[in-house]
N, C-alpha and C. Protein backbone atom coordinates (compact mmCIF):
# COMPACT_ATOMS: atom_id res chain seq x y z
N MET A 1 2.46 48.89 -2.65
CA MET A 1 3.70 48.29 -3.09
C MET A 1 3.62 48.04 -4.59
N THR A 2 4.65 48.38 -5.29
CA THR A 2 4.65 48.17 -6.74
C THR A 2 5.43 46.91 -7.09
N LEU A 3 5.09 46.39 -8.23
CA LEU A 3 5.81 45.22 -8.73
C LEU A 3 7.09 45.65 -9.41
N CYS A 4 8.06 44.80 -9.38
CA CYS A 4 9.31 45.06 -10.08
C CYS A 4 9.03 45.04 -11.58
N THR A 5 9.55 45.99 -12.29
CA THR A 5 9.36 46.01 -13.74
C THR A 5 10.45 45.25 -14.46
N CYS A 6 11.41 44.76 -13.72
CA CYS A 6 12.49 43.97 -14.31
C CYS A 6 11.97 42.58 -14.63
N ASP A 7 12.02 42.19 -15.89
CA ASP A 7 11.53 40.88 -16.31
C ASP A 7 12.49 39.76 -15.93
N HIS A 8 13.65 40.10 -15.43
CA HIS A 8 14.67 39.10 -15.18
C HIS A 8 14.81 38.72 -13.71
N CYS A 9 13.88 39.14 -12.87
CA CYS A 9 14.05 38.84 -11.46
C CYS A 9 12.83 38.13 -10.90
N VAL A 10 13.06 37.49 -9.80
CA VAL A 10 11.96 36.88 -9.05
C VAL A 10 11.88 37.67 -7.76
N ILE A 11 11.01 38.64 -7.74
CA ILE A 11 10.94 39.60 -6.65
C ILE A 11 10.12 39.04 -5.49
N ASP A 12 10.56 39.26 -4.29
CA ASP A 12 9.85 38.86 -3.07
C ASP A 12 9.68 37.36 -2.91
N TYR A 13 10.51 36.57 -3.54
CA TYR A 13 10.45 35.12 -3.34
C TYR A 13 11.05 34.76 -1.98
N TYR A 14 12.10 35.45 -1.59
CA TYR A 14 12.90 35.04 -0.45
C TYR A 14 12.79 36.03 0.71
N THR A 15 11.63 36.60 0.88
CA THR A 15 11.36 37.50 2.00
C THR A 15 10.51 36.73 3.02
N PRO A 16 10.41 37.23 4.23
CA PRO A 16 9.62 36.49 5.23
C PRO A 16 8.18 36.20 4.79
N ALA A 17 7.53 37.13 4.13
CA ALA A 17 6.14 36.91 3.71
C ALA A 17 6.04 36.12 2.41
N MET A 18 7.13 36.04 1.66
CA MET A 18 7.17 35.32 0.38
C MET A 18 6.02 35.72 -0.55
N LEU A 19 5.71 37.01 -0.56
CA LEU A 19 4.58 37.48 -1.35
C LEU A 19 4.78 37.25 -2.85
N GLY A 20 5.99 37.45 -3.33
CA GLY A 20 6.26 37.22 -4.75
C GLY A 20 6.10 35.76 -5.12
N LEU A 21 6.55 34.87 -4.25
CA LEU A 21 6.41 33.44 -4.49
C LEU A 21 4.94 33.04 -4.51
N LYS A 22 4.19 33.48 -3.51
CA LYS A 22 2.76 33.18 -3.46
C LYS A 22 2.05 33.73 -4.70
N THR A 23 2.44 34.92 -5.10
CA THR A 23 1.83 35.54 -6.27
C THR A 23 2.09 34.72 -7.52
N ASP A 24 3.34 34.35 -7.73
CA ASP A 24 3.68 33.59 -8.94
C ASP A 24 3.04 32.22 -8.97
N GLN A 25 2.86 31.60 -7.81
CA GLN A 25 2.16 30.32 -7.78
C GLN A 25 0.70 30.49 -8.18
N GLU A 26 0.08 31.57 -7.75
CA GLU A 26 -1.29 31.86 -8.14
C GLU A 26 -1.37 32.22 -9.63
N VAL A 27 -0.36 32.92 -10.12
CA VAL A 27 -0.30 33.23 -11.55
C VAL A 27 -0.25 31.92 -12.35
N LEU A 28 0.57 30.98 -11.89
CA LEU A 28 0.62 29.69 -12.57
C LEU A 28 -0.77 29.05 -12.58
N GLY A 29 -1.47 29.11 -11.47
CA GLY A 29 -2.83 28.56 -11.42
C GLY A 29 -3.73 29.19 -12.46
N GLU A 30 -3.63 30.50 -12.61
CA GLU A 30 -4.46 31.20 -13.61
C GLU A 30 -4.05 30.80 -15.03
N LEU A 31 -2.75 30.63 -15.24
CA LEU A 31 -2.28 30.20 -16.56
C LEU A 31 -2.74 28.77 -16.86
N VAL A 32 -2.71 27.91 -15.86
CA VAL A 32 -3.20 26.54 -16.04
C VAL A 32 -4.70 26.57 -16.33
N ARG A 33 -5.43 27.43 -15.64
CA ARG A 33 -6.88 27.54 -15.90
C ARG A 33 -7.14 27.86 -17.37
N ALA A 34 -6.32 28.73 -17.94
CA ALA A 34 -6.50 29.15 -19.34
C ALA A 34 -5.94 28.14 -20.34
N LYS A 35 -4.81 27.51 -20.01
CA LYS A 35 -4.11 26.70 -21.00
C LYS A 35 -4.26 25.19 -20.82
N VAL A 36 -4.57 24.76 -19.61
CA VAL A 36 -4.76 23.33 -19.34
C VAL A 36 -5.96 23.21 -18.38
N PRO A 37 -7.15 23.59 -18.84
CA PRO A 37 -8.30 23.71 -17.94
C PRO A 37 -8.70 22.42 -17.23
N ALA A 38 -8.46 21.28 -17.83
CA ALA A 38 -8.81 20.02 -17.17
C ALA A 38 -7.98 19.81 -15.91
N VAL A 39 -6.70 20.18 -15.95
CA VAL A 39 -5.84 20.07 -14.76
C VAL A 39 -6.30 21.07 -13.71
N TRP A 40 -6.61 22.28 -14.13
CA TRP A 40 -7.10 23.27 -13.18
C TRP A 40 -8.37 22.75 -12.50
N GLN A 41 -9.23 22.13 -13.28
CA GLN A 41 -10.50 21.61 -12.75
C GLN A 41 -10.27 20.53 -11.69
N ILE A 42 -9.37 19.60 -11.96
CA ILE A 42 -9.13 18.52 -10.98
C ILE A 42 -8.48 19.08 -9.72
N MET A 43 -7.63 20.09 -9.87
CA MET A 43 -7.02 20.73 -8.71
C MET A 43 -8.10 21.39 -7.85
N THR A 44 -9.04 22.04 -8.51
CA THR A 44 -10.13 22.73 -7.82
C THR A 44 -11.06 21.72 -7.15
N GLU A 45 -11.42 20.66 -7.86
CA GLU A 45 -12.34 19.65 -7.32
C GLU A 45 -11.77 19.00 -6.06
N HIS A 46 -10.46 18.78 -6.02
CA HIS A 46 -9.84 18.13 -4.87
C HIS A 46 -9.24 19.12 -3.89
N ASN A 47 -9.50 20.40 -4.13
CA ASN A 47 -9.06 21.46 -3.23
C ASN A 47 -7.55 21.43 -2.97
N VAL A 48 -6.79 21.22 -4.04
CA VAL A 48 -5.33 21.21 -3.94
C VAL A 48 -4.80 22.61 -4.27
N MET A 49 -4.10 23.20 -3.34
CA MET A 49 -3.53 24.52 -3.57
C MET A 49 -2.23 24.38 -4.35
N TRP A 50 -1.97 25.33 -5.22
CA TRP A 50 -0.75 25.30 -6.04
C TRP A 50 0.49 25.30 -5.18
N THR A 51 0.42 25.96 -4.02
CA THR A 51 1.60 26.02 -3.15
C THR A 51 2.05 24.63 -2.72
N LEU A 52 1.14 23.68 -2.64
CA LEU A 52 1.50 22.33 -2.21
C LEU A 52 2.28 21.56 -3.27
N VAL A 53 2.04 21.86 -4.53
CA VAL A 53 2.64 21.05 -5.59
C VAL A 53 3.76 21.73 -6.36
N VAL A 54 3.86 23.05 -6.29
CA VAL A 54 4.88 23.72 -7.09
C VAL A 54 5.81 24.64 -6.30
N SER A 55 5.67 24.70 -4.98
CA SER A 55 6.53 25.59 -4.19
C SER A 55 8.01 25.34 -4.43
N ARG A 56 8.42 24.08 -4.37
CA ARG A 56 9.84 23.76 -4.58
C ARG A 56 10.29 24.15 -5.97
N TRP A 57 9.43 24.00 -6.97
CA TRP A 57 9.80 24.38 -8.34
C TRP A 57 10.23 25.84 -8.36
N PHE A 58 9.41 26.69 -7.75
CA PHE A 58 9.64 28.12 -7.80
C PHE A 58 10.75 28.55 -6.84
N ILE A 59 10.73 28.07 -5.60
CA ILE A 59 11.73 28.49 -4.62
C ILE A 59 13.14 28.13 -5.09
N CYS A 60 13.30 26.92 -5.59
CA CYS A 60 14.62 26.43 -5.99
C CYS A 60 14.94 26.71 -7.45
N LEU A 61 14.01 27.29 -8.17
CA LEU A 61 14.16 27.51 -9.60
C LEU A 61 14.60 26.22 -10.30
N PHE A 62 13.96 25.13 -9.86
CA PHE A 62 14.06 23.79 -10.43
C PHE A 62 15.34 23.03 -10.06
N ILE A 63 16.24 23.61 -9.26
CA ILE A 63 17.43 22.87 -8.84
C ILE A 63 16.99 21.76 -7.90
N ASP A 64 17.57 20.61 -8.00
CA ASP A 64 17.19 19.41 -7.24
C ASP A 64 15.78 18.92 -7.60
N ILE A 65 15.18 19.51 -8.60
CA ILE A 65 13.87 19.08 -9.07
C ILE A 65 14.03 18.40 -10.43
N LEU A 66 14.81 19.04 -11.29
CA LEU A 66 15.08 18.53 -12.63
C LEU A 66 16.57 18.20 -12.76
N PRO A 67 16.95 17.44 -13.77
CA PRO A 67 18.37 17.13 -13.96
C PRO A 67 19.21 18.40 -14.12
N VAL A 68 20.45 18.35 -13.65
CA VAL A 68 21.32 19.52 -13.62
C VAL A 68 21.47 20.15 -15.00
N GLU A 69 21.72 19.36 -16.01
CA GLU A 69 21.89 19.92 -17.36
C GLU A 69 20.65 20.68 -17.81
N THR A 70 19.49 20.14 -17.50
CA THR A 70 18.23 20.81 -17.84
C THR A 70 18.08 22.10 -17.06
N VAL A 71 18.40 22.06 -15.78
CA VAL A 71 18.32 23.27 -14.93
C VAL A 71 19.23 24.36 -15.45
N LEU A 72 20.44 24.00 -15.83
CA LEU A 72 21.37 25.01 -16.33
C LEU A 72 20.86 25.64 -17.61
N ARG A 73 20.24 24.88 -18.47
CA ARG A 73 19.64 25.44 -19.69
C ARG A 73 18.46 26.35 -19.34
N ILE A 74 17.66 25.94 -18.36
CA ILE A 74 16.54 26.78 -17.91
C ILE A 74 17.08 28.10 -17.38
N TRP A 75 18.12 28.04 -16.57
CA TRP A 75 18.70 29.26 -16.00
C TRP A 75 19.28 30.17 -17.08
N ASP A 76 19.90 29.59 -18.08
CA ASP A 76 20.38 30.41 -19.21
C ASP A 76 19.23 31.21 -19.79
N CYS A 77 18.13 30.53 -20.02
CA CYS A 77 16.95 31.20 -20.60
C CYS A 77 16.34 32.19 -19.62
N LEU A 78 16.33 31.86 -18.34
CA LEU A 78 15.79 32.75 -17.31
C LEU A 78 16.55 34.07 -17.31
N PHE A 79 17.89 34.00 -17.34
CA PHE A 79 18.68 35.22 -17.32
C PHE A 79 18.61 35.99 -18.62
N TYR A 80 18.35 35.30 -19.70
CA TYR A 80 18.28 35.97 -21.00
C TYR A 80 16.87 36.48 -21.31
N GLU A 81 15.86 35.67 -21.03
CA GLU A 81 14.48 36.00 -21.43
C GLU A 81 13.61 36.50 -20.29
N GLY A 82 13.99 36.26 -19.06
CA GLY A 82 13.21 36.75 -17.94
C GLY A 82 12.39 35.69 -17.25
N SER A 83 11.62 36.14 -16.27
CA SER A 83 10.91 35.24 -15.37
C SER A 83 9.80 34.45 -16.04
N LYS A 84 9.40 34.83 -17.24
CA LYS A 84 8.35 34.04 -17.90
C LYS A 84 8.81 32.61 -18.19
N ILE A 85 10.13 32.38 -18.18
CA ILE A 85 10.67 31.04 -18.40
C ILE A 85 10.20 30.10 -17.29
N ILE A 86 10.12 30.60 -16.08
CA ILE A 86 9.65 29.76 -14.96
C ILE A 86 8.25 29.24 -15.26
N PHE A 87 7.41 30.11 -15.78
CA PHE A 87 6.04 29.70 -16.11
C PHE A 87 6.02 28.76 -17.31
N ARG A 88 6.87 29.02 -18.28
CA ARG A 88 6.95 28.13 -19.45
C ARG A 88 7.34 26.71 -19.03
N VAL A 89 8.32 26.61 -18.14
CA VAL A 89 8.76 25.29 -17.67
C VAL A 89 7.63 24.60 -16.91
N ALA A 90 7.02 25.32 -15.97
CA ALA A 90 5.95 24.73 -15.16
C ALA A 90 4.77 24.31 -16.04
N LEU A 91 4.36 25.17 -16.96
CA LEU A 91 3.24 24.84 -17.85
C LEU A 91 3.56 23.64 -18.73
N THR A 92 4.80 23.56 -19.20
CA THR A 92 5.20 22.43 -20.05
C THR A 92 5.16 21.13 -19.26
N LEU A 93 5.67 21.16 -18.04
CA LEU A 93 5.62 19.96 -17.20
C LEU A 93 4.18 19.51 -16.97
N ILE A 94 3.32 20.46 -16.69
CA ILE A 94 1.91 20.14 -16.42
C ILE A 94 1.20 19.67 -17.69
N LYS A 95 1.38 20.43 -18.75
CA LYS A 95 0.68 20.08 -20.00
C LYS A 95 1.15 18.74 -20.56
N HIS A 96 2.45 18.51 -20.52
CA HIS A 96 2.99 17.26 -21.06
C HIS A 96 2.52 16.05 -20.25
N ASN A 97 2.26 16.25 -18.97
CA ASN A 97 1.85 15.16 -18.08
C ASN A 97 0.37 15.23 -17.70
N GLN A 98 -0.39 15.96 -18.48
CA GLN A 98 -1.81 16.15 -18.19
C GLN A 98 -2.55 14.83 -18.01
N ALA A 99 -2.34 13.88 -18.89
CA ALA A 99 -3.07 12.61 -18.81
C ALA A 99 -2.83 11.90 -17.48
N GLN A 100 -1.57 11.90 -17.02
CA GLN A 100 -1.25 11.25 -15.75
C GLN A 100 -1.88 12.00 -14.58
N ILE A 101 -1.83 13.32 -14.62
CA ILE A 101 -2.42 14.12 -13.55
C ILE A 101 -3.92 13.88 -13.48
N LEU A 102 -4.56 13.79 -14.63
CA LEU A 102 -6.02 13.62 -14.66
C LEU A 102 -6.46 12.23 -14.19
N GLN A 103 -5.56 11.29 -14.09
CA GLN A 103 -5.89 9.96 -13.58
C GLN A 103 -5.96 9.95 -12.05
N ALA A 104 -5.49 11.00 -11.41
CA ALA A 104 -5.51 11.08 -9.96
C ALA A 104 -6.95 11.10 -9.45
N ARG A 105 -7.17 10.43 -8.33
CA ARG A 105 -8.52 10.32 -7.77
C ARG A 105 -8.65 10.90 -6.37
N SER A 106 -7.54 11.44 -5.84
CA SER A 106 -7.60 11.98 -4.49
C SER A 106 -6.54 13.07 -4.34
N PHE A 107 -6.64 13.79 -3.25
CA PHE A 107 -5.69 14.84 -2.92
C PHE A 107 -4.25 14.29 -2.89
N PRO A 108 -3.98 13.22 -2.12
CA PRO A 108 -2.61 12.69 -2.09
C PRO A 108 -2.16 12.16 -3.45
N ASP A 109 -3.08 11.62 -4.20
CA ASP A 109 -2.76 11.09 -5.52
C ASP A 109 -2.31 12.21 -6.46
N ILE A 110 -2.97 13.35 -6.38
CA ILE A 110 -2.58 14.50 -7.20
C ILE A 110 -1.16 14.95 -6.82
N CYS A 111 -0.89 15.02 -5.52
CA CYS A 111 0.45 15.42 -5.06
C CYS A 111 1.51 14.46 -5.59
N ASP A 112 1.21 13.16 -5.56
CA ASP A 112 2.15 12.16 -6.08
C ASP A 112 2.36 12.34 -7.58
N ARG A 113 1.31 12.63 -8.31
CA ARG A 113 1.44 12.82 -9.77
C ARG A 113 2.33 14.01 -10.07
N PHE A 114 2.21 15.07 -9.29
CA PHE A 114 3.06 16.24 -9.51
C PHE A 114 4.52 15.94 -9.19
N LYS A 115 4.79 15.06 -8.24
CA LYS A 115 6.18 14.66 -7.98
C LYS A 115 6.74 13.92 -9.18
N ASP A 116 5.90 13.12 -9.82
CA ASP A 116 6.35 12.30 -10.95
C ASP A 116 6.59 13.09 -12.23
N VAL A 117 5.97 14.26 -12.38
CA VAL A 117 6.11 15.00 -13.64
C VAL A 117 7.52 15.54 -13.86
N THR A 118 8.31 15.56 -12.80
CA THR A 118 9.68 16.09 -12.93
C THR A 118 10.70 14.98 -13.14
N LYS A 119 10.24 13.78 -13.42
CA LYS A 119 11.14 12.64 -13.58
C LYS A 119 10.95 12.02 -14.96
N GLY A 120 11.97 11.34 -15.43
CA GLY A 120 11.84 10.55 -16.65
C GLY A 120 12.54 11.16 -17.84
N GLY A 121 12.41 10.45 -18.95
CA GLY A 121 13.10 10.80 -20.19
C GLY A 121 12.76 12.17 -20.73
N PHE A 122 11.54 12.62 -20.52
CA PHE A 122 11.12 13.93 -21.04
C PHE A 122 12.00 15.05 -20.51
N VAL A 123 12.32 15.02 -19.22
CA VAL A 123 13.15 16.08 -18.63
C VAL A 123 14.64 15.77 -18.70
N ASP A 124 14.98 14.50 -18.92
CA ASP A 124 16.40 14.13 -19.02
C ASP A 124 17.03 14.63 -20.31
N ASP A 125 16.27 14.67 -21.38
CA ASP A 125 16.78 15.15 -22.67
C ASP A 125 16.57 16.66 -22.71
N CYS A 126 17.57 17.40 -22.23
CA CYS A 126 17.40 18.84 -22.05
C CYS A 126 17.16 19.58 -23.36
N HIS A 127 17.73 19.10 -24.45
CA HIS A 127 17.56 19.79 -25.73
C HIS A 127 16.11 19.73 -26.19
N THR A 128 15.52 18.55 -26.13
CA THR A 128 14.12 18.39 -26.52
C THR A 128 13.22 19.13 -25.54
N PHE A 129 13.52 19.02 -24.25
CA PHE A 129 12.72 19.69 -23.24
C PHE A 129 12.70 21.20 -23.46
N MET A 130 13.86 21.77 -23.74
CA MET A 130 13.94 23.21 -23.95
C MET A 130 13.16 23.64 -25.20
N GLN A 131 13.16 22.81 -26.22
CA GLN A 131 12.35 23.11 -27.40
C GLN A 131 10.87 23.10 -27.03
N LYS A 132 10.49 22.15 -26.19
CA LYS A 132 9.08 22.02 -25.79
C LYS A 132 8.59 23.21 -24.96
N ILE A 133 9.46 23.78 -24.11
CA ILE A 133 8.99 24.89 -23.27
C ILE A 133 8.62 26.11 -24.11
N PHE A 134 9.15 26.17 -25.32
CA PHE A 134 8.78 27.29 -26.19
C PHE A 134 7.64 26.95 -27.13
N ALA A 135 7.24 25.68 -27.17
CA ALA A 135 6.17 25.27 -28.07
C ALA A 135 4.89 24.90 -27.32
N GLU A 136 4.99 24.04 -26.31
CA GLU A 136 3.79 23.50 -25.66
C GLU A 136 2.91 24.54 -24.97
N PRO A 137 3.45 25.49 -24.23
CA PRO A 137 2.55 26.44 -23.56
C PRO A 137 1.89 27.45 -24.50
N GLY A 138 2.39 27.57 -25.71
CA GLY A 138 1.83 28.56 -26.63
C GLY A 138 2.27 29.96 -26.26
N SER A 139 1.53 30.94 -26.71
CA SER A 139 1.86 32.34 -26.47
C SER A 139 1.85 32.65 -24.98
N LEU A 140 2.88 33.38 -24.54
CA LEU A 140 2.98 33.75 -23.13
C LEU A 140 3.81 35.02 -23.02
N SER A 141 3.14 36.14 -22.96
CA SER A 141 3.85 37.42 -22.94
C SER A 141 4.08 37.91 -21.51
N MET A 142 5.10 38.73 -21.34
CA MET A 142 5.36 39.34 -20.04
C MET A 142 4.22 40.28 -19.65
N ALA A 143 3.58 40.88 -20.63
CA ALA A 143 2.44 41.76 -20.32
C ALA A 143 1.33 40.96 -19.65
N THR A 144 1.06 39.77 -20.17
CA THR A 144 0.03 38.90 -19.58
C THR A 144 0.44 38.49 -18.17
N ILE A 145 1.68 38.08 -18.01
CA ILE A 145 2.16 37.65 -16.69
C ILE A 145 2.11 38.80 -15.70
N ASN A 146 2.54 39.98 -16.11
CA ASN A 146 2.52 41.13 -15.19
C ASN A 146 1.10 41.52 -14.80
N LYS A 147 0.17 41.43 -15.72
CA LYS A 147 -1.23 41.73 -15.40
C LYS A 147 -1.76 40.71 -14.40
N LEU A 148 -1.46 39.43 -14.64
CA LEU A 148 -1.89 38.39 -13.70
C LEU A 148 -1.22 38.57 -12.34
N ARG A 149 0.04 38.99 -12.33
CA ARG A 149 0.73 39.24 -11.06
C ARG A 149 0.03 40.33 -10.26
N GLU A 150 -0.35 41.38 -10.92
CA GLU A 150 -1.07 42.47 -10.22
C GLU A 150 -2.36 41.97 -9.62
N THR A 151 -3.14 41.22 -10.40
CA THR A 151 -4.43 40.71 -9.93
C THR A 151 -4.25 39.72 -8.78
N CYS A 152 -3.34 38.78 -8.94
CA CYS A 152 -3.12 37.76 -7.92
C CYS A 152 -2.53 38.34 -6.65
N ARG A 153 -1.61 39.28 -6.79
CA ARG A 153 -1.00 39.92 -5.63
C ARG A 153 -2.06 40.67 -4.83
N ALA A 154 -2.93 41.39 -5.50
CA ALA A 154 -3.99 42.13 -4.81
C ALA A 154 -4.92 41.16 -4.07
N ARG A 155 -5.25 40.05 -4.70
CA ARG A 155 -6.13 39.04 -4.08
C ARG A 155 -5.47 38.44 -2.84
N ILE A 156 -4.18 38.12 -2.93
CA ILE A 156 -3.46 37.55 -1.79
C ILE A 156 -3.39 38.55 -0.64
N MET A 157 -3.08 39.79 -0.96
CA MET A 157 -2.98 40.81 0.08
C MET A 157 -4.33 41.05 0.77
N ALA A 158 -5.40 40.99 -0.02
CA ALA A 158 -6.73 41.16 0.55
C ALA A 158 -7.09 40.00 1.49
N GLN A 159 -6.66 38.80 1.14
CA GLN A 159 -6.93 37.62 1.97
C GLN A 159 -6.14 37.66 3.28
N GLU A 160 -4.97 38.27 3.25
CA GLU A 160 -4.12 38.31 4.43
C GLU A 160 -4.50 39.40 5.41
N LEU A 161 -5.43 40.25 5.05
CA LEU A 161 -5.84 41.33 5.96
C LEU A 161 -6.73 40.83 7.06
């Protein structure tokens, strides 16, 4: 199976196997490992899977997760710039709230911290938030995301055999 080359779609998110969704969640994990390694480390130490904390972010494309005005701005960017915006938003939420996430001491505590990262003044001010999604995660190319998608998809498919 080949990956969609269209940068503007979220492929296989809404299929019975949800392979695209699982893949993108794993891609986020790899991006967090590279860009926010302390958060990746605490997730690994407490054996928290990305699917537990970010599934709703990806499935709903942040609707009912973030304020409506912020979501609409995210969607504008998603349709204009492509699916890397989803990763930019997720990485910004994680990076901006790194200190709070790192204070977690247990599996349930980590899950609670991830619920809290989508609330508050940071996400309410959509203009500032949108500026941050292009600054905080740093460089993030579609080539990098597509390469990670290939690697993560192959790993997931191998695990499901």
